[in-house]
Structures are given as C-alpha cells and as structure tokens.
C-alpha cells in the first residue's frame, strides 16, 4: 500500500472520528420530539425499537426526522438500550443529534497556537442553569466550554430548551473527568481560575497572555475540593448591599462578557 493511500486512510479516519465526536445521543419520546422541533437542530440517526406500538408522537417524530434527512433504524430492545444507555427511560427511541461545536478537549488543545479562554463546568446539576450557561458562553467571548461526561446535568431536551437551541452550535469540549482536563490545560500554559469573594484581584482586572480557564461550580456547594486544589488563581466579583454570591448562570454570563462590556 502506498504512502498516499495510508495518508488518505488516516485523513478519512480523523474526519470520521471528528464527526462522531459531534454527536449527542438523547432518548425518550417527548425529549426527542422537542429536540427535533428546535429550528436549528440537526439529526444524524433516529433509533426506534421494533417492539414500539403505533402512536401519534412516534409518527410526528419520524416525520420530523425524515424532513431533516435522518437515517431511521429499527433495533431490538437490547440493541436500543445499548444506544440509549438507559433502558428504563428510553421509551423505545433514541436520536443522534449533530452538534457542530462539539469536540474533545484534547482535540481543542492540540489545535491551539495562541491564547484561549475556556469556561469549565464543575458539578452544575440544574438543567436550566446549564442551558443558560451554554447560551451565555456561546454568545460571549469564550473559546470553549469544558463539560465533563459525569457530575453535571445530562444534555437533554431541558438543557436544549434553556439554551434556546444554542447547544447545537456552542463550542462544547467533552472530557471524561474535569480534573484531568484542567491539568491538561495547565500543561498547555493555561491558568485555572476559581472565583472567591476573598480574592483581591477582580474578574475585570484579570489579564493573561496565555490560556485561561474559568471554573464555575455546583449551585449549592460551589467548586469541588479536587478542582479547588488544582486552581492556581482566584478572582472576585465585587458585590454590594451584603450580597455574598450570584446564581451560577449569572456568574458564567459575567465571565463570558467580561471583555465585551
């Protein structure tokens, strides 16, 4: 086999991998229907259980999927549960949505040659908050949203709705464990910034010529201990009238637009 052929095979593999990294699988009849009703949603495949009984909602879903050019596949229940990864709640349906801004955090870091700013999500469990965070980050001056596979709200119809559909184009960087991704960012020269009312430097004062990662934490408990330990810089948001903290989605908005206003 020629070097040209090997190079072509390698390029095709990378493109295929990049495409599949952009897929988000959701499940459940109402969540899938609501996702397909979003104006900006794209669907790669619709997965249906062969055992499904006829229902209007399934007819509506199939019609929308066909309009969007999806491949429609039928599976036995076990095969579908492997796709949805939630046999108890998938209701015999799953959909692979295409999110153009999706990629792995490692792929993002490999492409960086200059400064970058990321927003990292540590244990945000409220879908409404997560959706609003994604919307703000997509609209603001953030190059990527570091979102771990576990520990945060599941990306589903509730998050899609709260993000006003921006989930499909937001620059989301998936990672297995947030702590490992943050350490990878540090190795690329980034400062990991947490927020603290005790910090002397404010969010608006912060300047960094290399990479920066701003971490927002759980609605009740804030940052996890493991993430606190890896933070190497702390920033504050000045507040008046005895207010001690802000909603995590509001905080994310201030971070996303800190240079724009």
C-alpha atoms as a PDB file:
ATOM      1  CA  UNK A   1       0.000   0.000   0.000  1.00  0.00           C
ATOM      2  CA  UNK A   2       1.365   3.443  -0.946  1.00  0.00           C
ATOM      3  CA  UNK A   3       2.133   6.266   1.447  1.00  0.00           C
ATOM      4  CA  UNK A   4      -0.554   8.319  -0.300  1.00  0.00           C
ATOM      5  CA  UNK A   5      -3.124   5.612   0.393  1.00  0.00           C
ATOM      6  CA  UNK A   6      -2.094   5.404   4.065  1.00  0.00           C
ATOM      7  CA  UNK A   7      -2.325   9.174   4.380  1.00  0.00           C
ATOM      8  CA  UNK A   8      -5.761   9.207   2.782  1.00  0.00           C
ATOM      9  CA  UNK A   9      -6.988   6.428   5.091  1.00  0.00           C
ATOM     10  CA  UNK A  10      -5.645   8.324   8.095  1.00  0.00           C
ATOM     11  CA  UNK A  11      -7.374  11.541   6.988  1.00  0.00           C
ATOM     12  CA  UNK A  12     -10.670   9.720   6.466  1.00  0.00           C
ATOM     13  CA  UNK A  13     -10.367   8.144   9.918  1.00  0.00           C
ATOM     14  CA  UNK A  14      -9.761  11.549  11.540  1.00  0.00           C
ATOM     15  CA  UNK A  15     -12.691  13.107   9.727  1.00  0.00           C
ATOM     16  CA  UNK A  16     -14.940  10.214  10.749  1.00  0.00           C
ATOM     17  CA  UNK A  17     -13.755  10.485  14.356  1.00  0.00           C
ATOM     18  CA  UNK A  18     -14.333  14.254  14.327  1.00  0.00           C
ATOM     19  CA  UNK A  19     -17.863  13.743  13.032  1.00  0.00           C
ATOM     20  CA  UNK A  20     -18.792  11.150  15.648  1.00  0.00           C
ATOM     21  CA  UNK A  21     -17.378  13.398  18.374  1.00  0.00           C
ATOM     22  CA  UNK A  22     -20.049  15.914  17.321  1.00  0.00           C
ATOM     23  CA  UNK A  23     -22.924  13.546  18.056  1.00  0.00           C
ATOM     24  CA  UNK A  24     -25.147  13.842  21.114  1.00  0.00           C
ATOM     25  CA  UNK A  25     -27.500  10.935  21.830  1.00  0.00           C
ATOM     26  CA  UNK A  26     -30.755  11.744  23.584  1.00  0.00           C
ATOM     27  CA  UNK A  27     -33.662   9.418  24.372  1.00  0.00           C
ATOM     28  CA  UNK A  28     -37.314   9.396  25.371  1.00  0.00           C
ATOM     29  CA  UNK A  29     -40.294  10.276  23.181  1.00  0.00           C
ATOM     30  CA  UNK A  30     -41.052  13.801  24.384  1.00  0.00           C
ATOM     31  CA  UNK A  31     -37.367  14.842  24.667  1.00  0.00           C
ATOM     32  CA  UNK A  32     -36.632  13.605  21.131  1.00  0.00           C
ATOM     33  CA  UNK A  33     -39.740  15.315  19.735  1.00  0.00           C
ATOM     34  CA  UNK A  34     -38.883  18.629  21.423  1.00  0.00           C
ATOM     35  CA  UNK A  35     -35.290  18.436  20.209  1.00  0.00           C
ATOM     36  CA  UNK A  36     -36.374  17.840  16.613  1.00  0.00           C
ATOM     37  CA  UNK A  37     -38.837  20.726  16.843  1.00  0.00           C
ATOM     38  CA  UNK A  38     -35.952  23.112  17.589  1.00  0.00           C
ATOM     39  CA  UNK A  39     -35.293  25.175  14.470  1.00  0.00           C
ATOM     40  CA  UNK A  40     -31.525  24.718  14.498  1.00  0.00           C
ATOM     41  CA  UNK A  41     -31.402  21.028  15.396  1.00  0.00           C
ATOM     42  CA  UNK A  42     -29.719  18.500  13.114  1.00  0.00           C
ATOM     43  CA  UNK A  43     -30.137  14.758  13.348  1.00  0.00           C
ATOM     44  CA  UNK A  44     -27.874  12.009  12.057  1.00  0.00           C
ATOM     45  CA  UNK A  45     -29.858   8.914  13.022  1.00  0.00           C
ATOM     46  CA  UNK A  46     -33.174   8.091  14.630  1.00  0.00           C
ATOM     47  CA  UNK A  47     -33.208   4.778  16.523  1.00  0.00           C
ATOM     48  CA  UNK A  48     -36.513   3.008  17.170  1.00  0.00           C
ATOM     49  CA  UNK A  49     -37.400  -0.228  18.958  1.00  0.00           C
ATOM     50  CA  UNK A  50     -39.045  -2.798  16.743  1.00  0.00           C
ATOM     51  CA  UNK A  51     -41.486  -3.500  19.594  1.00  0.00           C
ATOM     52  CA  UNK A  52     -42.905   0.041  19.611  1.00  0.00           C
ATOM     53  CA  UNK A  53     -46.665   0.170  19.188  1.00  0.00           C
ATOM     54  CA  UNK A  54     -48.117   2.729  16.815  1.00  0.00           C
ATOM     55  CA  UNK A  55     -48.502   6.166  18.399  1.00  0.00           C
ATOM     56  CA  UNK A  56     -49.042   9.675  17.059  1.00  0.00           C
ATOM     57  CA  UNK A  57     -45.972  11.038  18.826  1.00  0.00           C
ATOM     58  CA  UNK A  58     -43.816   8.435  17.067  1.00  0.00           C
ATOM     59  CA  UNK A  59     -45.387   9.368  13.723  1.00  0.00           C
ATOM     60  CA  UNK A  60     -44.594  13.031  14.402  1.00  0.00           C
ATOM     61  CA  UNK A  61     -41.004  12.213  15.370  1.00  0.00           C
ATOM     62  CA  UNK A  62     -40.446  10.065  12.277  1.00  0.00           C
ATOM     63  CA  UNK A  63     -41.896  12.788  10.033  1.00  0.00           C
ATOM     64  CA  UNK A  64     -39.585  15.443  11.544  1.00  0.00           C
ATOM     65  CA  UNK A  65     -36.570  13.147  11.310  1.00  0.00           C
ATOM     66  CA  UNK A  66     -37.309  12.480   7.644  1.00  0.00           C
ATOM     67  CA  UNK A  67     -37.654  16.212   6.963  1.00  0.00           C
ATOM     68  CA  UNK A  68     -34.206  16.740   8.483  1.00  0.00           C
ATOM     69  CA  UNK A  69     -32.684  13.947   6.377  1.00  0.00           C
ATOM     70  CA  UNK A  70     -32.037  11.469   9.187  1.00  0.00           C
ATOM     71  CA  UNK A  71     -31.314   7.803   8.726  1.00  0.00           C
ATOM     72  CA  UNK A  72     -34.039   5.805  10.518  1.00  0.00           C
ATOM     73  CA  UNK A  73     -33.012   2.484  12.060  1.00  0.00           C
ATOM     74  CA  UNK A  74     -35.000  -0.201  13.889  1.00  0.00           C
ATOM     75  CA  UNK A  75     -33.496  -2.352  16.653  1.00  0.00           C
ATOM     76  CA  UNK A  76     -34.477  -4.999  19.128  1.00  0.00           C
ATOM     77  CA  UNK A  77     -34.865  -3.732  22.692  1.00  0.00           C
ATOM     78  CA  UNK A  78     -31.420  -4.825  23.840  1.00  0.00           C
ATOM     79  CA  UNK A  79     -29.687  -3.119  20.938  1.00  0.00           C
ATOM     80  CA  UNK A  80     -31.626   0.089  21.540  1.00  0.00           C
ATOM     81  CA  UNK A  81     -30.743   0.077  25.228  1.00  0.00           C
ATOM     82  CA  UNK A  82     -27.052  -0.131  24.279  1.00  0.00           C
ATOM     83  CA  UNK A  83     -27.525   3.013  22.188  1.00  0.00           C
ATOM     84  CA  UNK A  84     -29.574   4.983  24.735  1.00  0.00           C
ATOM     85  CA  UNK A  85     -27.647   3.604  27.729  1.00  0.00           C
ATOM     86  CA  UNK A  86     -30.909   3.899  29.661  1.00  0.00           C
ATOM     87  CA  UNK A  87     -33.288   1.017  29.013  1.00  0.00           C
ATOM     88  CA  UNK A  88     -35.678   2.087  31.782  1.00  0.00           C
ATOM     89  CA  UNK A  89     -36.324   5.559  30.365  1.00  0.00           C
ATOM     90  CA  UNK A  90     -35.682   5.450  26.612  1.00  0.00           C
ATOM     91  CA  UNK A  91     -39.323   4.556  25.758  1.00  0.00           C
ATOM     92  CA  UNK A  92     -38.136   2.706  22.678  1.00  0.00           C
ATOM     93  CA  UNK A  93     -36.487   5.691  20.993  1.00  0.00           C
ATOM     94  CA  UNK A  94     -33.146   7.495  20.762  1.00  0.00           C
ATOM     95  CA  UNK A  95     -31.712  10.100  18.428  1.00  0.00           C
ATOM     96  CA  UNK A  96     -28.156  11.033  17.449  1.00  0.00           C
ATOM     97  CA  UNK A  97     -28.123  14.825  17.172  1.00  0.00           C
ATOM     98  CA  UNK A  98     -25.352  16.700  15.368  1.00  0.00           C
ATOM     99  CA  UNK A  99     -23.756  19.486  17.427  1.00  0.00           C
ATOM    100  CA  UNK A 100     -21.366  21.413  15.191  1.00  0.00           C
ATOM    101  CA  UNK A 101     -19.352  22.888  18.073  1.00  0.00           C
ATOM    102  CA  UNK A 102     -18.657  19.572  19.805  1.00  0.00           C
ATOM    103  CA  UNK A 103     -15.164  18.146  20.098  1.00  0.00           C
ATOM    104  CA  UNK A 104     -12.942  16.558  22.710  1.00  0.00           C
ATOM    105  CA  UNK A 105     -10.893  18.832  24.934  1.00  0.00           C
ATOM    106  CA  UNK A 106      -7.706  17.131  23.763  1.00  0.00           C
ATOM    107  CA  UNK A 107      -8.509  17.904  20.117  1.00  0.00           C
ATOM    108  CA  UNK A 108      -9.115  21.537  21.028  1.00  0.00           C
ATOM    109  CA  UNK A 109      -5.806  21.842  22.874  1.00  0.00           C
ATOM    110  CA  UNK A 110      -3.896  20.245  20.005  1.00  0.00           C
ATOM    111  CA  UNK A 111      -5.145  22.999  17.685  1.00  0.00           C
ATOM    112  CA  UNK A 112      -4.177  25.936  19.917  1.00  0.00           C
ATOM    113  CA  UNK A 113      -1.213  28.099  18.959  1.00  0.00           C
ATOM    114  CA  UNK A 114      -2.176  31.229  20.886  1.00  0.00           C
ATOM    115  CA  UNK A 115      -4.102  32.368  23.984  1.00  0.00           C
ATOM    116  CA  UNK A 116      -7.528  30.933  24.674  1.00  0.00           C
ATOM    117  CA  UNK A 117     -10.272  31.316  27.279  1.00  0.00           C
ATOM    118  CA  UNK A 118     -12.432  28.423  28.465  1.00  0.00           C
ATOM    119  CA  UNK A 119     -15.355  28.108  30.835  1.00  0.00           C
ATOM    120  CA  UNK A 120     -15.293  24.889  32.874  1.00  0.00           C
ATOM    121  CA  UNK A 121     -18.401  23.375  34.476  1.00  0.00           C
ATOM    122  CA  UNK A 122     -17.897  21.628  37.833  1.00  0.00           C
ATOM    123  CA  UNK A 123     -20.996  19.836  39.109  1.00  0.00           C
ATOM    124  CA  UNK A 124     -23.771  22.070  37.753  1.00  0.00           C
ATOM    125  CA  UNK A 125     -26.783  19.771  38.110  1.00  0.00           C
ATOM    126  CA  UNK A 126     -29.732  22.033  37.265  1.00  0.00           C
ATOM    127  CA  UNK A 127     -30.616  21.685  33.536  1.00  0.00           C
ATOM    128  CA  UNK A 128     -31.960  25.248  33.435  1.00  0.00           C
ATOM    129  CA  UNK A 129     -28.682  26.631  34.756  1.00  0.00           C
ATOM    130  CA  UNK A 130     -26.584  24.504  32.428  1.00  0.00           C
ATOM    131  CA  UNK A 131     -28.617  25.574  29.402  1.00  0.00           C
ATOM    132  CA  UNK A 132     -28.318  29.254  30.328  1.00  0.00           C
ATOM    133  CA  UNK A 133     -24.564  28.851  30.874  1.00  0.00           C
ATOM    134  CA  UNK A 134     -24.175  27.292  27.425  1.00  0.00           C
ATOM    135  CA  UNK A 135     -26.192  30.110  25.854  1.00  0.00           C
ATOM    136  CA  UNK A 136     -24.093  32.835  27.509  1.00  0.00           C
ATOM    137  CA  UNK A 137     -20.804  31.150  26.663  1.00  0.00           C
ATOM    138  CA  UNK A 138     -21.861  30.642  23.044  1.00  0.00           C
ATOM    139  CA  UNK A 139     -22.788  34.334  22.745  1.00  0.00           C
ATOM    140  CA  UNK A 140     -19.785  35.702  24.644  1.00  0.00           C
ATOM    141  CA  UNK A 141     -16.026  35.699  24.237  1.00  0.00           C
ATOM    142  CA  UNK A 142     -15.414  32.113  25.302  1.00  0.00           C
ATOM    143  CA  UNK A 143     -13.473  29.719  23.062  1.00  0.00           C
ATOM    144  CA  UNK A 144     -14.854  26.550  24.622  1.00  0.00           C
ATOM    145  CA  UNK A 145     -16.981  25.093  27.413  1.00  0.00           C
ATOM    146  CA  UNK A 146     -15.265  22.281  29.292  1.00  0.00           C
ATOM    147  CA  UNK A 147     -18.041  19.852  30.164  1.00  0.00           C
ATOM    148  CA  UNK A 148     -17.317  16.502  31.860  1.00  0.00           C
ATOM    149  CA  UNK A 149     -19.257  13.364  30.968  1.00  0.00           C
ATOM    150  CA  UNK A 150     -20.297  12.809  34.580  1.00  0.00           C
ATOM    151  CA  UNK A 151     -21.231  15.015  37.507  1.00  0.00           C
ATOM    152  CA  UNK A 152     -23.249  17.625  35.598  1.00  0.00           C
ATOM    153  CA  UNK A 153     -26.812  17.751  34.316  1.00  0.00           C
ATOM    154  CA  UNK A 154     -27.382  15.429  31.372  1.00  0.00           C
ATOM    155  CA  UNK A 155     -27.556  17.150  27.994  1.00  0.00           C
ATOM    156  CA  UNK A 156     -31.209  16.591  27.165  1.00  0.00           C
ATOM    157  CA  UNK A 157     -34.310  18.415  25.968  1.00  0.00           C
ATOM    158  CA  UNK A 158     -34.429  20.566  29.135  1.00  0.00           C
ATOM    159  CA  UNK A 159     -30.904  21.833  28.555  1.00  0.00           C
ATOM    160  CA  UNK A 160     -31.592  22.330  24.840  1.00  0.00           C
ATOM    161  CA  UNK A 161     -34.659  24.429  25.659  1.00  0.00           C
ATOM    162  CA  UNK A 162     -32.865  26.502  28.312  1.00  0.00           C
ATOM    163  CA  UNK A 163     -30.005  27.140  25.892  1.00  0.00           C
ATOM    164  CA  UNK A 164     -32.524  28.422  23.318  1.00  0.00           C
ATOM    165  CA  UNK A 165     -31.096  25.947  20.824  1.00  0.00           C
ATOM    166  CA  UNK A 166     -27.518  27.236  21.113  1.00  0.00           C
ATOM    167  CA  UNK A 167     -26.438  23.801  22.370  1.00  0.00           C
ATOM    168  CA  UNK A 168     -26.258  22.695  18.725  1.00  0.00           C
ATOM    169  CA  UNK A 169     -23.592  25.260  17.850  1.00  0.00           C
ATOM    170  CA  UNK A 170     -21.911  26.052  21.176  1.00  0.00           C
ATOM    171  CA  UNK A 171     -18.174  25.223  21.440  1.00  0.00           C
ATOM    172  CA  UNK A 172     -18.539  22.333  23.884  1.00  0.00           C
ATOM    173  CA  UNK A 173     -15.379  20.421  24.807  1.00  0.00           C
ATOM    174  CA  UNK A 174     -16.185  16.997  26.222  1.00  0.00           C
ATOM    175  CA  UNK A 175     -13.916  15.315  28.743  1.00  0.00           C
ATOM    176  CA  UNK A 176     -14.188  12.227  30.948  1.00  0.00           C
ATOM    177  CA  UNK A 177     -13.076  13.879  34.201  1.00  0.00           C
ATOM    178  CA  UNK A 178     -12.898  17.639  34.637  1.00  0.00           C
ATOM    179  CA  UNK A 179      -9.872  17.469  36.916  1.00  0.00           C
ATOM    180  CA  UNK A 180      -7.829  15.649  34.246  1.00  0.00           C
ATOM    181  CA  UNK A 181      -8.879  18.146  31.563  1.00  0.00           C
ATOM    182  CA  UNK A 182      -7.909  21.068  33.795  1.00  0.00           C
ATOM    183  CA  UNK A 183      -4.467  19.558  34.330  1.00  0.00           C
ATOM    184  CA  UNK A 184      -4.115  19.119  30.557  1.00  0.00           C
ATOM    185  CA  UNK A 185      -4.933  22.798  30.145  1.00  0.00           C
ATOM    186  CA  UNK A 186      -2.277  23.694  32.704  1.00  0.00           C
ATOM    187  CA  UNK A 187       0.279  21.716  30.718  1.00  0.00           C
ATOM    188  CA  UNK A 188      -0.612  23.935  27.746  1.00  0.00           C
ATOM    189  CA  UNK A 189       0.214  27.027  29.818  1.00  0.00           C
ATOM    190  CA  UNK A 190      -3.287  27.919  30.992  1.00  0.00           C
ATOM    191  CA  UNK A 191      -4.126  29.359  34.396  1.00  0.00           C
ATOM    192  CA  UNK A 192      -7.039  27.699  36.184  1.00  0.00           C
ATOM    193  CA  UNK A 193      -9.152  30.434  37.774  1.00  0.00           C
ATOM    194  CA  UNK A 194     -11.679  29.951  40.543  1.00  0.00           C
ATOM    195  CA  UNK A 195     -13.968  32.612  41.961  1.00  0.00           C
ATOM    196  CA  UNK A 196     -13.781  33.677  45.597  1.00  0.00           C
ATOM    197  CA  UNK A 197     -15.208  36.650  47.468  1.00  0.00           C
ATOM    198  CA  UNK A 198     -11.888  36.808  49.344  1.00  0.00           C
ATOM    199  CA  UNK A 199      -9.724  37.256  46.229  1.00  0.00           C
ATOM    200  CA  UNK A 200      -8.059  40.649  45.906  1.00  0.00           C
ATOM    201  CA  UNK A 201      -7.962  40.638  42.089  1.00  0.00           C
ATOM    202  CA  UNK A 202     -11.320  41.105  40.365  1.00  0.00           C
ATOM    203  CA  UNK A 203     -12.639  39.344  37.298  1.00  0.00           C
ATOM    204  CA  UNK A 204     -12.455  42.543  35.237  1.00  0.00           C
ATOM    205  CA  UNK A 205      -8.847  43.224  36.280  1.00  0.00           C
ATOM    206  CA  UNK A 206      -7.534  39.806  35.296  1.00  0.00           C
ATOM    207  CA  UNK A 207      -5.196  39.730  32.312  1.00  0.00           C
ATOM    208  CA  UNK A 208      -3.319  36.746  30.934  1.00  0.00           C
ATOM    209  CA  UNK A 209      -1.356  36.478  27.708  1.00  0.00           C
ATOM    210  CA  UNK A 210      -1.647  32.679  27.648  1.00  0.00           C
ATOM    211  CA  UNK A 211      -4.608  30.393  28.204  1.00  0.00           C
ATOM    212  CA  UNK A 212      -7.185  30.868  30.937  1.00  0.00           C
ATOM    213  CA  UNK A 213      -9.845  28.511  32.298  1.00  0.00           C
ATOM    214  CA  UNK A 214     -12.601  29.969  34.494  1.00  0.00           C
ATOM    215  CA  UNK A 215     -14.360  27.345  36.604  1.00  0.00           C
ATOM    216  CA  UNK A 216     -17.935  27.638  37.884  1.00  0.00           C
ATOM    217  CA  UNK A 217     -19.240  25.165  40.438  1.00  0.00           C
ATOM    218  CA  UNK A 218     -22.282  23.470  41.877  1.00  0.00           C
ATOM    219  CA  UNK A 219     -25.330  25.599  42.700  1.00  0.00           C
ATOM    220  CA  UNK A 220     -25.116  24.794  46.434  1.00  0.00           C
ATOM    221  CA  UNK A 221     -21.589  23.653  47.219  1.00  0.00           C
ATOM    222  CA  UNK A 222     -19.513  25.634  44.714  1.00  0.00           C
ATOM    223  CA  UNK A 223     -16.304  24.083  43.427  1.00  0.00           C
ATOM    224  CA  UNK A 224     -15.403  20.542  44.395  1.00  0.00           C
ATOM    225  CA  UNK A 225     -12.358  20.066  46.633  1.00  0.00           C
ATOM    226  CA  UNK A 226     -10.383  18.390  43.827  1.00  0.00           C
ATOM    227  CA  UNK A 227     -10.974  21.348  41.491  1.00  0.00           C
ATOM    228  CA  UNK A 228     -10.199  23.879  44.230  1.00  0.00           C
ATOM    229  CA  UNK A 229      -6.846  22.181  44.737  1.00  0.00           C
ATOM    230  CA  UNK A 230      -5.913  22.494  41.059  1.00  0.00           C
ATOM    231  CA  UNK A 231      -6.879  26.184  40.784  1.00  0.00           C
ATOM    232  CA  UNK A 232      -3.791  28.377  40.624  1.00  0.00           C
ATOM    233  CA  UNK A 233      -5.527  31.757  40.519  1.00  0.00           C
ATOM    234  CA  UNK A 234      -8.502  33.254  42.357  1.00  0.00           C
ATOM    235  CA  UNK A 235     -10.719  36.139  41.257  1.00  0.00           C
ATOM    236  CA  UNK A 236     -13.598  38.018  42.843  1.00  0.00           C
ATOM    237  CA  UNK A 237     -16.749  39.727  41.584  1.00  0.00           C
ATOM    238  CA  UNK A 238     -17.321  42.914  43.600  1.00  0.00           C
ATOM    239  CA  UNK A 239     -20.822  42.968  45.131  1.00  0.00           C
ATOM    240  CA  UNK A 240     -22.741  45.495  47.179  1.00  0.00           C
ATOM    241  CA  UNK A 241     -25.502  45.502  49.798  1.00  0.00           C
ATOM    242  CA  UNK A 242     -24.248  42.418  51.596  1.00  0.00           C
ATOM    243  CA  UNK A 243     -24.869  40.052  48.672  1.00  0.00           C
ATOM    244  CA  UNK A 244     -22.461  37.130  49.041  1.00  0.00           C
ATOM    245  CA  UNK A 245     -22.946  35.167  45.828  1.00  0.00           C
ATOM    246  CA  UNK A 246     -24.669  35.062  42.448  1.00  0.00           C
ATOM    247  CA  UNK A 247     -26.526  32.366  40.562  1.00  0.00           C
ATOM    248  CA  UNK A 248     -24.024  30.201  38.690  1.00  0.00           C
ATOM    249  CA  UNK A 249     -25.589  31.061  35.315  1.00  0.00           C
ATOM    250  CA  UNK A 250     -25.289  34.790  36.062  1.00  0.00           C
ATOM    251  CA  UNK A 251     -21.662  34.291  37.072  1.00  0.00           C
ATOM    252  CA  UNK A 252     -20.975  32.457  33.813  1.00  0.00           C
ATOM    253  CA  UNK A 253     -22.515  35.353  31.877  1.00  0.00           C
ATOM    254  CA  UNK A 254     -20.208  37.862  33.588  1.00  0.00           C
ATOM    255  CA  UNK A 255     -17.215  35.691  32.700  1.00  0.00           C
ATOM    256  CA  UNK A 256     -18.315  35.282  29.085  1.00  0.00           C
ATOM    257  CA  UNK A 257     -18.748  39.026  28.564  1.00  0.00           C
ATOM    258  CA  UNK A 258     -16.058  40.368  30.903  1.00  0.00           C
ATOM    259  CA  UNK A 259     -14.096  41.896  27.987  1.00  0.00           C
ATOM    260  CA  UNK A 260     -17.032  42.920  25.836  1.00  0.00           C
ATOM    261  CA  UNK A 261     -18.813  45.386  28.114  1.00  0.00           C
END
